[in-house]
Each structure stands twice: as structure tokens, then as C-alpha cells.
Amino acid sequence: MNRVLIFLAPCLLLFPDSLAAAGKYNYTLDIGDAAPTWKKLPGTDGKEHSLDDLKDKKAVVLIFTCNSCPFAVAYEDRIIDFVKRHGGPKGEVGVMAVNVNRVPEDSPEKMAERAKAKEFNFPYLFDESQQIARDYGAGRTPQFFLLDGDRKIAYMGAMDDNDIAKQVKVRYLEDALQAVLAGKQPEVTETPTTGCAIRYARQRRSKPAKKNDQ
């Protein structure tokens, strides 16, 4: 047996579930997994938003984005157009965008200014805890997750194949959505994501209790 496989075998036995749960490009979720929920995240519209708000929608698109990333900004018009065609109060698809970066240019105040200036037609939410991004294994902005009618992950990755709108040839999110609405599984379910890395805050590990404290 290969020496590397011999070395890794104990690790595979110890962590089979974590390895099986990961997708090709996402180390947290896989296609078909139940979508993590979110509750009462504040939006730039002054309201709180939850996944349950979209329970009547045939599909949901969750977007991780921000103000400070030029790649995310480049996709804003495409997202607005997508919502015009599929979303809105009367549309069959719910769309929500979330920003988790905790830097001045991505503050709730700056988010509200951006949403107003661009006339966002979708809720733009802020999660200071960054938990929603961790739950989805989001790594970059913009990053897209399509949830089907059962609120399982149907697609995750990039919106399309080119950051330059005029050079787009394949619309991954659009194609995946059409398949889901038709009751089918998308041909392409996961793609790598380009863009800016999400600025996660470091999580401190709790120190083990001393023997005297036990």
C-alpha cells in the first residue's frame, strides 16, 4: 500500500463524516445538503430577515457579497437584472445578499448608502457574527448558493464564467435555476469562485481547564 495512504488511513477513520460532507470546492457543504438557516439578520431596509420569510418561494438564491470587493461590485448590475427576471415580491425565486465583513467600508451604514445608490431590489443583510458565512463555507465575494424547493443545496459557486459581463458565455446560476424550477438536478452543481476573500475574524480557541480547576 502507498505510504501516504497508510499514513492517512487513521485520519480517514477518525473523520469520515467531515470528509464526506464536503463538496468539490466547498469544504463545509455538499450538493443535496440541507441549507443552513438564518434568522433575524438586519437589512439595509431597516427590517430583519430570515430564511423562513421565503417559505413560499420555489427556490432561493443566497449571495455572499460586500461593498469593498471590486469583483462583488462588478456583479451588482447582473444581480439586479437577475432579480428583475426571477425575484421580487411576486417572483417565484427569493433572493437575499449577505455581507459579513467587519471593516469600515462594509459597515451597515456604508451598506445602506450602497443599496440606495444602486437601488438594490433585494434585501442586503449584515451578519456581524459571520456565522452564516461559516455555516455555508463561503470563502469569497461574490459567491452564490441556490436552494431548491426543499431548501437543499442545488448549486454553489460562481454566477457565471467571466467577471466581465460582456464576455460571459456560461451562466451557471441561471442554468441551475432553470433546472430546479423544472424539477430537475442541474448539470453543473458546483464551480470554483473567484473574487475577494471574505475577511473572517480569528476565532480564539478556549484554553483547556487546569487540573486544579476541574
Protein backbone atom coordinates (compact mmCIF):
# COMPACT_ATOMS: atom_id res chain seq x y z
CA MET A 1 0.00 0.00 0.00
CA ASN A 2 1.17 3.53 -0.73
CA ARG A 3 2.96 5.06 2.27
CA VAL A 4 0.81 8.21 2.03
CA LEU A 5 -2.39 6.15 2.18
CA ILE A 6 -1.04 4.21 5.16
CA PHE A 7 -0.35 7.49 6.92
CA LEU A 8 -3.77 8.94 6.09
CA ALA A 9 -5.81 5.82 6.88
CA PRO A 10 -6.19 6.60 10.62
CA CYS A 11 -7.31 10.14 9.75
CA LEU A 12 -9.96 8.82 7.35
CA LEU A 13 -11.30 6.55 10.04
CA LEU A 14 -11.41 9.34 12.59
CA PHE A 15 -13.06 11.93 10.34
CA PRO A 16 -15.18 10.13 7.71
CA ASP A 17 -18.27 12.29 8.18
CA SER A 18 -16.44 15.59 7.79
CA LEU A 19 -14.77 14.43 4.59
CA ALA A 20 -17.98 13.04 3.15
CA ALA A 21 -19.88 16.24 3.90
CA ALA A 22 -17.61 18.45 1.82
CA GLY A 23 -18.15 19.37 -1.80
CA LYS A 24 -15.52 19.61 -4.51
CA TYR A 25 -14.80 23.29 -3.88
CA ASN A 26 -16.67 23.81 -0.63
CA TYR A 27 -15.19 22.21 2.49
CA THR A 28 -18.36 22.62 4.57
CA LEU A 29 -21.36 21.77 2.40
CA ASP A 30 -22.11 19.35 -0.40
CA ILE A 31 -24.84 19.32 -3.04
CA GLY A 32 -28.03 17.89 -1.53
CA ASP A 33 -27.24 19.04 1.99
CA ALA A 34 -29.95 20.84 3.93
CA ALA A 35 -29.33 24.56 3.68
CA PRO A 36 -28.30 26.22 6.95
CA THR A 37 -30.98 28.63 8.12
CA TRP A 38 -30.62 32.21 9.23
CA LYS A 39 -32.87 34.29 11.42
CA LYS A 40 -33.42 37.98 12.03
CA LEU A 41 -30.42 39.36 10.17
CA PRO A 42 -30.69 43.15 9.86
CA GLY A 43 -31.07 44.57 6.37
CA THR A 44 -30.38 47.95 4.85
CA ASP A 45 -34.16 48.38 4.62
CA GLY A 46 -34.41 48.60 8.41
CA LYS A 47 -36.07 45.18 8.69
CA GLU A 48 -34.91 41.80 9.97
CA HIS A 49 -34.82 38.91 7.51
CA SER A 50 -34.94 35.12 7.91
CA LEU A 51 -34.93 32.18 5.53
CA ASP A 52 -38.48 31.44 6.68
CA ASP A 53 -39.57 34.72 5.06
CA LEU A 54 -39.13 32.96 1.71
CA LYS A 55 -41.05 29.78 2.51
CA ASP A 56 -43.47 30.34 -0.36
CA LYS A 57 -40.72 30.63 -2.99
CA LYS A 58 -39.91 27.76 -5.32
CA ALA A 59 -36.19 28.43 -4.95
CA VAL A 60 -33.88 30.72 -3.00
CA VAL A 61 -30.61 32.34 -4.02
CA LEU A 62 -28.27 33.39 -1.21
CA ILE A 63 -25.41 35.66 -2.22
CA PHE A 64 -22.34 36.49 -0.18
CA THR A 65 -21.15 39.91 -1.27
CA CYS A 66 -19.85 43.21 0.10
CA ASN A 67 -19.08 46.83 -0.74
CA SER A 68 -15.29 46.67 -0.63
CA CYS A 69 -14.59 43.98 -3.24
CA PRO A 70 -14.32 45.18 -6.87
CA PHE A 71 -15.42 41.73 -8.09
CA ALA A 72 -18.58 41.94 -5.97
CA VAL A 73 -19.28 45.46 -7.21
CA ALA A 74 -18.85 44.28 -10.81
CA TYR A 75 -21.69 41.79 -10.31
CA GLU A 76 -24.21 44.18 -8.79
CA ASP A 77 -25.93 45.04 -12.08
CA ARG A 78 -26.11 41.37 -13.02
CA ILE A 79 -27.72 40.54 -9.68
CA ILE A 80 -30.21 43.38 -10.06
CA ASP A 81 -31.15 42.11 -13.53
CA PHE A 82 -31.45 38.54 -12.21
CA VAL A 83 -33.89 39.70 -9.51
CA LYS A 84 -35.93 41.68 -12.05
CA ARG A 85 -36.42 38.49 -14.06
CA HIS A 86 -36.91 35.99 -11.26
CA GLY A 87 -37.31 37.65 -7.87
CA GLY A 88 -39.24 40.41 -6.21
CA PRO A 89 -42.41 40.08 -4.12
CA LYS A 90 -44.31 38.41 -6.98
CA GLY A 91 -41.44 36.32 -8.34
CA GLU A 92 -41.04 32.60 -7.75
CA VAL A 93 -37.43 32.95 -6.56
CA GLY A 94 -36.32 34.56 -3.32
CA VAL A 95 -33.01 36.43 -3.39
CA MET A 96 -31.04 37.71 -0.41
CA ALA A 97 -27.50 39.05 -0.22
CA VAL A 98 -25.35 38.99 2.91
CA ASN A 99 -22.23 40.91 3.90
CA VAL A 100 -20.16 39.56 6.80
CA ASN A 101 -17.01 41.69 6.51
CA ARG A 102 -16.30 43.79 9.58
CA VAL A 103 -14.31 46.63 8.06
CA PRO A 104 -15.31 50.32 7.83
CA GLU A 105 -16.19 50.23 4.11
CA ASP A 106 -18.53 47.30 4.77
CA SER A 107 -20.30 48.78 7.78
CA PRO A 108 -24.12 48.73 7.89
CA GLU A 109 -24.09 52.49 7.24
CA LYS A 110 -21.98 52.10 4.11
CA MET A 111 -24.12 49.16 3.03
CA ALA A 112 -27.24 51.30 3.27
CA GLU A 113 -25.59 54.02 1.18
CA ARG A 114 -24.61 51.47 -1.46
CA ALA A 115 -28.04 49.86 -1.56
CA LYS A 116 -29.68 53.26 -2.02
CA ALA A 117 -27.23 54.46 -4.66
CA LYS A 118 -27.58 51.27 -6.73
CA GLU A 119 -31.30 50.84 -5.98
CA PHE A 120 -30.90 47.25 -4.86
CA ASN A 121 -34.11 45.29 -5.48
CA PHE A 122 -33.18 42.57 -2.98
CA PRO A 123 -32.57 42.54 0.78
CA TYR A 124 -28.95 43.35 1.65
CA LEU A 125 -28.20 41.88 5.07
CA PHE A 126 -25.36 42.17 7.57
CA ASP A 127 -24.16 39.40 9.87
CA GLU A 128 -21.68 40.77 12.36
CA SER A 129 -21.17 37.31 13.85
CA GLN A 130 -20.12 35.95 10.43
CA GLN A 131 -21.84 32.71 11.41
CA ILE A 132 -23.96 32.42 8.28
CA ALA A 133 -20.86 32.53 6.08
CA ARG A 134 -19.14 29.90 8.21
CA ASP A 135 -22.24 27.69 8.06
CA TYR A 136 -22.22 27.86 4.26
CA GLY A 137 -18.47 27.50 3.91
CA ALA A 138 -18.38 30.76 1.96
CA GLY A 139 -14.87 31.88 1.10
CA ARG A 140 -15.15 34.70 -1.41
CA THR A 141 -17.31 37.53 -2.67
CA PRO A 142 -19.38 37.24 -4.68
CA GLN A 143 -20.41 33.64 -4.03
CA PHE A 144 -23.81 32.16 -4.88
CA PHE A 145 -25.87 29.38 -3.32
CA LEU A 146 -29.06 28.05 -4.92
CA LEU A 147 -31.54 26.31 -2.63
CA ASP A 148 -34.28 24.16 -4.14
CA GLY A 149 -37.90 23.87 -3.04
CA ASP A 150 -36.93 21.55 -0.20
CA ARG A 151 -34.25 24.07 0.82
CA LYS A 152 -31.40 21.77 -0.06
CA ILE A 153 -28.24 22.95 -1.77
CA ALA A 154 -28.75 22.59 -5.54
CA TYR A 155 -25.86 24.72 -6.78
CA MET A 156 -22.98 26.68 -5.27
CA GLY A 157 -20.19 28.72 -6.76
CA ALA A 158 -19.90 31.49 -9.33
CA MET A 159 -22.77 33.27 -11.06
CA ASP A 160 -21.18 32.79 -14.48
CA ASP A 161 -17.86 32.11 -16.19
CA ASN A 162 -16.45 35.63 -16.51
CA ASP A 163 -16.06 38.64 -14.24
CA ILE A 164 -16.51 40.87 -17.30
CA ALA A 165 -20.20 40.90 -18.14
CA LYS A 166 -19.75 41.29 -21.91
CA GLN A 167 -17.52 38.22 -22.06
CA VAL A 168 -19.87 35.81 -20.24
CA LYS A 169 -20.52 32.60 -22.16
CA VAL A 170 -21.93 30.27 -19.50
CA ARG A 171 -24.46 31.38 -16.87
CA TYR A 172 -24.10 28.72 -14.18
CA LEU A 173 -26.64 30.16 -11.73
CA GLU A 174 -29.26 30.82 -14.42
CA ASP A 175 -28.89 27.32 -15.87
CA ALA A 176 -29.07 25.71 -12.41
CA LEU A 177 -32.17 27.71 -11.54
CA GLN A 178 -33.99 26.70 -14.70
CA ALA A 179 -33.27 23.05 -13.93
CA VAL A 180 -34.51 23.37 -10.34
CA LEU A 181 -37.72 25.12 -11.43
CA ALA A 182 -38.28 22.28 -13.88
CA GLY A 183 -37.88 19.72 -11.11
CA LYS A 184 -34.51 18.52 -12.37
CA GLN A 185 -30.99 18.42 -10.99
CA PRO A 186 -28.64 20.97 -12.59
CA GLU A 187 -26.00 19.55 -14.92
CA VAL A 188 -23.38 21.73 -13.23
CA THR A 189 -23.86 21.81 -9.47
CA GLU A 190 -20.61 23.32 -8.22
CA THR A 191 -17.99 25.68 -9.62
CA PRO A 192 -14.93 27.42 -8.18
CA THR A 193 -15.40 31.02 -7.09
CA THR A 194 -13.17 33.94 -7.94
CA GLY A 195 -13.24 37.26 -6.12
CA CYS A 196 -12.08 38.69 -2.82
CA ALA A 197 -11.55 36.53 0.23
CA ILE A 198 -14.09 37.04 2.99
CA ARG A 199 -12.41 38.77 5.91
CA TYR A 200 -13.06 36.36 8.71
CA ALA A 201 -12.21 37.36 12.24
CA ARG A 202 -9.87 35.00 14.00
CA GLN A 203 -11.58 32.67 16.42
CA ARG A 204 -9.71 32.11 19.64
CA ARG A 205 -9.57 28.60 20.94
CA SER A 206 -10.63 28.19 24.53
CA LYS A 207 -7.82 27.13 26.83
CA PRO A 208 -8.13 23.69 28.41
CA ALA A 209 -9.09 23.76 32.08
CA LYS A 210 -6.27 23.31 34.56
CA LYS A 211 -6.28 20.26 36.75
CA ASN A 212 -6.87 22.43 39.80
CA ASP A 213 -9.99 23.91 38.17
CA GLN A 214 -11.57 20.55 37.41
